[in-house]
């Protein structure tokens, strides 16, 4: 890991500095706690009353199906301010004068949202505990499902972070990220794929949800891991290029 960072000319100390600042921003105001509370309430409501956990043999599959939908709004919420607020308030110019590279700034912000998502997912662990108490769920499937949920969220975060840079206010960042996440999600929705005819498998492969389903089945396929890494790296790279152009402009 350290060799990779050196090759990318990234100083881990700088990344940690940005990461700590951004993660603290989630909890310096009540907003972060409110987001987590809404996430917990919404997930539990959908899980128990929509997926009918007790009527479907104590299956946890409904939890991860609901997460795919909740992500469409939750991920844009946690990424919308990361760059948009900096640009709106004018602090982005000050931030870019610091001795941090573009990639260090991006990785710090990305990791803060990634960890915040992990905290949100950790609040759902009470549901597997209930499932283990009343039944015997497949551990491999459960681990794969949580891994898929975290990795799919990380891909959405990279996309939302890039869109946040392209806007100057949080509402625009949220709306554009929501539309983009919805589009990527629908690519894995079977009724939509039928419109692509012989290319439906190709477009399905481009969907984040499609790869999440694979991991949720307990199958650790390197193609899924490669997809998530490539998807995230693409939008982090686009973010880096955009910042470099902005930096040269002023």
Protein backbone atom coordinates (compact mmCIF):
# COMPACT_ATOMS: atom_id res chain seq x y z
CA UNK A 1 0.00 0.00 0.00
CA UNK A 2 2.78 2.41 0.95
CA UNK A 3 4.62 1.63 -2.28
CA UNK A 4 1.50 2.39 -4.30
CA UNK A 5 1.07 5.73 -2.52
CA UNK A 6 4.71 6.58 -3.17
CA UNK A 7 4.28 5.74 -6.84
CA UNK A 8 1.25 8.05 -6.98
CA UNK A 9 3.22 10.73 -5.10
CA UNK A 10 0.68 10.67 -2.28
CA UNK A 11 1.74 11.41 1.31
CA UNK A 12 -0.41 9.43 3.72
CA UNK A 13 -0.02 12.07 6.43
CA UNK A 14 -1.69 14.66 4.19
CA UNK A 15 -4.48 12.26 3.28
CA UNK A 16 -5.15 11.60 6.99
CA UNK A 17 -5.23 15.33 7.71
CA UNK A 18 -7.93 15.92 5.10
CA UNK A 19 -9.77 12.75 6.11
CA UNK A 20 -9.95 13.73 9.77
CA UNK A 21 -11.15 17.23 8.89
CA UNK A 22 -13.90 15.95 6.63
CA UNK A 23 -15.03 13.15 8.95
CA UNK A 24 -15.20 15.61 11.83
CA UNK A 25 -17.39 17.88 9.68
CA UNK A 26 -20.05 15.16 9.61
CA UNK A 27 -20.31 15.26 13.40
CA UNK A 28 -19.47 18.87 14.27
CA UNK A 29 -23.10 19.74 13.62
CA UNK A 30 -26.29 17.75 14.26
CA UNK A 31 -26.62 17.07 10.52
CA UNK A 32 -24.44 13.94 10.57
CA UNK A 33 -26.38 12.48 13.49
CA UNK A 34 -29.68 13.35 11.84
CA UNK A 35 -28.61 11.58 8.63
CA UNK A 36 -27.65 8.47 10.59
CA UNK A 37 -30.90 8.52 12.57
CA UNK A 38 -32.97 8.83 9.38
CA UNK A 39 -30.94 6.03 7.80
CA UNK A 40 -31.52 3.71 10.77
CA UNK A 41 -35.24 4.48 11.02
CA UNK A 42 -35.79 4.13 7.28
CA UNK A 43 -33.87 0.87 6.95
CA UNK A 44 -35.62 -0.70 9.94
CA UNK A 45 -39.04 0.43 8.76
CA UNK A 46 -38.51 -0.89 5.24
CA UNK A 47 -36.96 -4.10 6.51
CA UNK A 48 -39.65 -5.09 8.99
CA UNK A 49 -42.75 -3.70 7.33
CA UNK A 50 -41.98 -3.86 3.60
CA UNK A 51 -39.81 -6.98 3.25
CA UNK A 52 -41.81 -8.84 5.93
CA UNK A 53 -38.77 -10.38 7.65
CA UNK A 54 -40.76 -12.64 9.98
CA UNK A 55 -43.02 -13.87 7.19
CA UNK A 56 -40.21 -14.80 4.79
CA UNK A 57 -38.26 -17.28 6.85
CA UNK A 58 -36.11 -14.64 8.58
CA UNK A 59 -34.28 -13.87 5.34
CA UNK A 60 -31.92 -10.87 5.35
CA UNK A 61 -31.99 -10.49 1.56
CA UNK A 62 -34.66 -7.81 1.88
CA UNK A 63 -32.22 -5.65 3.87
CA UNK A 64 -29.71 -5.48 1.04
CA UNK A 65 -32.42 -5.01 -1.57
CA UNK A 66 -33.64 -2.00 0.42
CA UNK A 67 -30.10 -0.64 0.72
CA UNK A 68 -29.88 -0.40 -3.07
CA UNK A 69 -32.87 1.94 -3.05
CA UNK A 70 -31.87 3.93 0.03
CA UNK A 71 -28.38 4.50 -1.42
CA UNK A 72 -29.87 6.48 -4.30
CA UNK A 73 -30.69 9.30 -1.89
CA UNK A 74 -28.33 8.59 1.03
CA UNK A 75 -25.07 8.61 -0.94
CA UNK A 76 -25.79 11.98 -2.64
CA UNK A 77 -26.60 13.38 0.80
CA UNK A 78 -23.21 12.44 2.25
CA UNK A 79 -21.22 13.56 -0.83
CA UNK A 80 -23.07 16.73 -1.87
CA UNK A 81 -21.17 19.11 0.41
CA UNK A 82 -17.67 17.65 0.03
CA UNK A 83 -16.66 19.98 -2.81
CA UNK A 84 -19.79 22.03 -3.52
CA UNK A 85 -19.69 23.76 -0.12
CA UNK A 86 -15.98 24.51 -0.54
CA UNK A 87 -16.67 26.13 -3.91
CA UNK A 88 -19.72 28.03 -2.70
CA UNK A 89 -17.96 29.49 0.34
CA UNK A 90 -14.73 30.22 -1.54
CA UNK A 91 -12.60 28.06 0.75
CA UNK A 92 -11.59 25.84 -2.16
CA UNK A 93 -9.07 28.46 -3.31
CA UNK A 94 -7.51 28.50 0.16
CA UNK A 95 -7.53 24.70 0.30
CA UNK A 96 -5.70 24.46 -3.02
CA UNK A 97 -2.94 26.78 -1.82
CA UNK A 98 -2.00 24.28 0.88
CA UNK A 99 0.91 21.89 0.19
CA UNK A 100 -1.47 19.06 -0.66
CA UNK A 101 -1.70 17.39 -4.05
CA UNK A 102 -5.04 17.06 -5.82
CA UNK A 103 -5.07 13.32 -5.19
CA UNK A 104 -4.36 13.76 -1.47
CA UNK A 105 -7.34 16.09 -1.15
CA UNK A 106 -9.58 13.76 -3.13
CA UNK A 107 -8.57 10.63 -1.22
CA UNK A 108 -9.04 12.38 2.12
CA UNK A 109 -12.58 13.44 1.23
CA UNK A 110 -13.36 10.07 -0.35
CA UNK A 111 -12.20 8.12 2.71
CA UNK A 112 -14.22 10.31 5.06
CA UNK A 113 -17.44 9.52 3.16
CA UNK A 114 -16.39 5.86 2.88
CA UNK A 115 -15.96 5.57 6.66
CA UNK A 116 -19.19 7.49 7.33
CA UNK A 117 -20.99 4.97 5.12
CA UNK A 118 -19.35 2.17 7.11
CA UNK A 119 -20.68 3.70 10.32
CA UNK A 120 -24.15 3.84 8.78
CA UNK A 121 -23.93 0.18 7.74
CA UNK A 122 -22.71 -0.77 11.23
CA UNK A 123 -26.01 0.53 12.64
CA UNK A 124 -27.79 -2.28 10.76
CA UNK A 125 -25.81 -5.07 12.44
CA UNK A 126 -28.55 -5.53 14.99
CA UNK A 127 -30.64 -7.09 12.21
CA UNK A 128 -28.21 -9.99 11.58
CA UNK A 129 -28.03 -10.50 15.34
CA UNK A 130 -31.81 -10.92 15.40
CA UNK A 131 -31.56 -13.29 12.46
CA UNK A 132 -28.93 -15.42 14.25
CA UNK A 133 -31.12 -15.51 17.34
CA UNK A 134 -34.21 -16.79 15.54
CA UNK A 135 -32.60 -18.79 12.71
CA UNK A 136 -29.25 -19.74 11.16
CA UNK A 137 -28.37 -17.48 8.21
CA UNK A 138 -25.51 -18.39 5.88
CA UNK A 139 -22.42 -16.57 7.20
CA UNK A 140 -20.67 -16.50 3.81
CA UNK A 141 -23.72 -14.96 2.17
CA UNK A 142 -24.05 -12.43 4.99
CA UNK A 143 -20.40 -11.35 4.71
CA UNK A 144 -20.65 -11.14 0.92
CA UNK A 145 -23.82 -9.07 1.20
CA UNK A 146 -22.24 -6.54 3.55
CA UNK A 147 -19.09 -6.42 1.44
CA UNK A 148 -21.18 -5.82 -1.67
CA UNK A 149 -23.16 -3.09 0.10
CA UNK A 150 -20.00 -1.30 1.23
CA UNK A 151 -18.23 -1.59 -2.13
CA UNK A 152 -21.28 -0.48 -4.10
CA UNK A 153 -21.58 2.48 -1.75
CA UNK A 154 -17.92 3.33 -2.31
CA UNK A 155 -18.49 3.41 -6.07
CA UNK A 156 -21.48 5.73 -5.67
CA UNK A 157 -19.35 7.92 -3.37
CA UNK A 158 -16.66 8.34 -6.05
CA UNK A 159 -19.34 9.38 -8.52
CA UNK A 160 -21.00 11.75 -6.05
CA UNK A 161 -17.66 13.31 -5.08
CA UNK A 162 -16.89 14.11 -8.72
CA UNK A 163 -20.34 15.61 -9.28
CA UNK A 164 -19.95 17.68 -6.10
CA UNK A 165 -16.86 19.25 -7.66
CA UNK A 166 -18.80 20.18 -10.80
CA UNK A 167 -21.38 22.21 -8.86
CA UNK A 168 -21.34 25.25 -6.59
CA UNK A 169 -24.23 24.44 -4.27
CA UNK A 170 -25.27 21.38 -2.33
CA UNK A 171 -28.80 21.11 -3.71
CA UNK A 172 -27.54 20.91 -7.30
CA UNK A 173 -24.92 18.38 -6.24
CA UNK A 174 -27.58 16.26 -4.55
CA UNK A 175 -29.99 16.32 -7.49
CA UNK A 176 -27.34 15.57 -10.13
CA UNK A 177 -25.84 12.78 -8.01
CA UNK A 178 -29.28 11.29 -7.42
CA UNK A 179 -30.03 11.22 -11.15
CA UNK A 180 -26.60 9.73 -11.93
CA UNK A 181 -26.93 7.05 -9.23
CA UNK A 182 -30.44 6.23 -10.38
CA UNK A 183 -29.23 5.80 -13.97
CA UNK A 184 -26.41 3.45 -12.91
CA UNK A 185 -28.84 1.51 -10.73
CA UNK A 186 -31.45 1.10 -13.48
CA UNK A 187 -28.84 -0.42 -15.79
CA UNK A 188 -29.06 -3.53 -13.63
CA UNK A 189 -32.86 -3.58 -13.52
CA UNK A 190 -34.15 -6.43 -15.67
CA UNK A 191 -37.16 -4.63 -17.27
CA UNK A 192 -34.81 -1.83 -18.37
CA UNK A 193 -32.18 -4.23 -19.69
CA UNK A 194 -34.71 -5.76 -22.08
CA UNK A 195 -34.55 -2.54 -24.14
CA UNK A 196 -30.87 -3.17 -24.92
CA UNK A 197 -31.51 -6.48 -26.68
CA UNK A 198 -28.29 -8.41 -27.36
CA UNK A 199 -26.29 -5.83 -25.39
CA UNK A 200 -28.23 -6.28 -22.17
CA UNK A 201 -25.48 -8.33 -20.51
CA UNK A 202 -22.93 -5.62 -21.30
CA UNK A 203 -25.09 -2.85 -19.84
CA UNK A 204 -25.99 -5.05 -16.88
CA UNK A 205 -22.27 -5.47 -16.17
CA UNK A 206 -21.96 -1.67 -15.99
CA UNK A 207 -24.53 -1.51 -13.19
CA UNK A 208 -23.36 -1.23 -9.59
CA UNK A 209 -26.40 -3.16 -8.35
CA UNK A 210 -25.65 -6.06 -10.72
CA UNK A 211 -22.28 -6.67 -9.05
CA UNK A 212 -23.78 -6.21 -5.60
CA UNK A 213 -26.21 -9.06 -6.36
CA UNK A 214 -23.29 -11.30 -7.25
CA UNK A 215 -21.54 -10.66 -3.94
CA UNK A 216 -24.83 -11.00 -2.06
CA UNK A 217 -25.04 -14.57 -3.32
CA UNK A 218 -21.82 -15.29 -1.42
CA UNK A 219 -19.69 -15.43 -4.58
CA UNK A 220 -16.39 -13.55 -4.27
CA UNK A 221 -15.64 -12.95 -7.94
CA UNK A 222 -12.52 -10.96 -8.85
CA UNK A 223 -14.46 -9.39 -11.72
CA UNK A 224 -16.76 -7.72 -9.20
CA UNK A 225 -13.83 -6.40 -7.18
CA UNK A 226 -12.15 -5.18 -10.38
CA UNK A 227 -15.35 -3.43 -11.41
CA UNK A 228 -15.70 -1.53 -8.12
CA UNK A 229 -12.02 -0.54 -8.08
CA UNK A 230 -12.14 0.56 -11.73
CA UNK A 231 -15.41 2.48 -11.34
CA UNK A 232 -14.17 4.35 -8.28
CA UNK A 233 -10.73 5.00 -9.78
CA UNK A 234 -12.30 6.41 -12.96
CA UNK A 235 -14.32 9.09 -11.17
CA UNK A 236 -11.54 9.88 -8.71
CA UNK A 237 -9.26 10.40 -11.71
CA UNK A 238 -11.84 12.62 -13.45
CA UNK A 239 -12.06 14.62 -10.22
CA UNK A 240 -8.27 15.00 -10.18
CA UNK A 241 -8.17 16.19 -13.79
CA UNK A 242 -10.93 18.73 -13.12
CA UNK A 243 -9.12 20.14 -10.09
CA UNK A 244 -5.86 20.40 -12.03
CA UNK A 245 -7.60 22.44 -14.73
CA UNK A 246 -9.19 24.67 -12.07
CA UNK A 247 -5.85 25.12 -10.32
CA UNK A 248 -4.15 26.22 -13.55
CA UNK A 249 -6.98 28.67 -14.16
CA UNK A 250 -6.28 30.75 -11.10
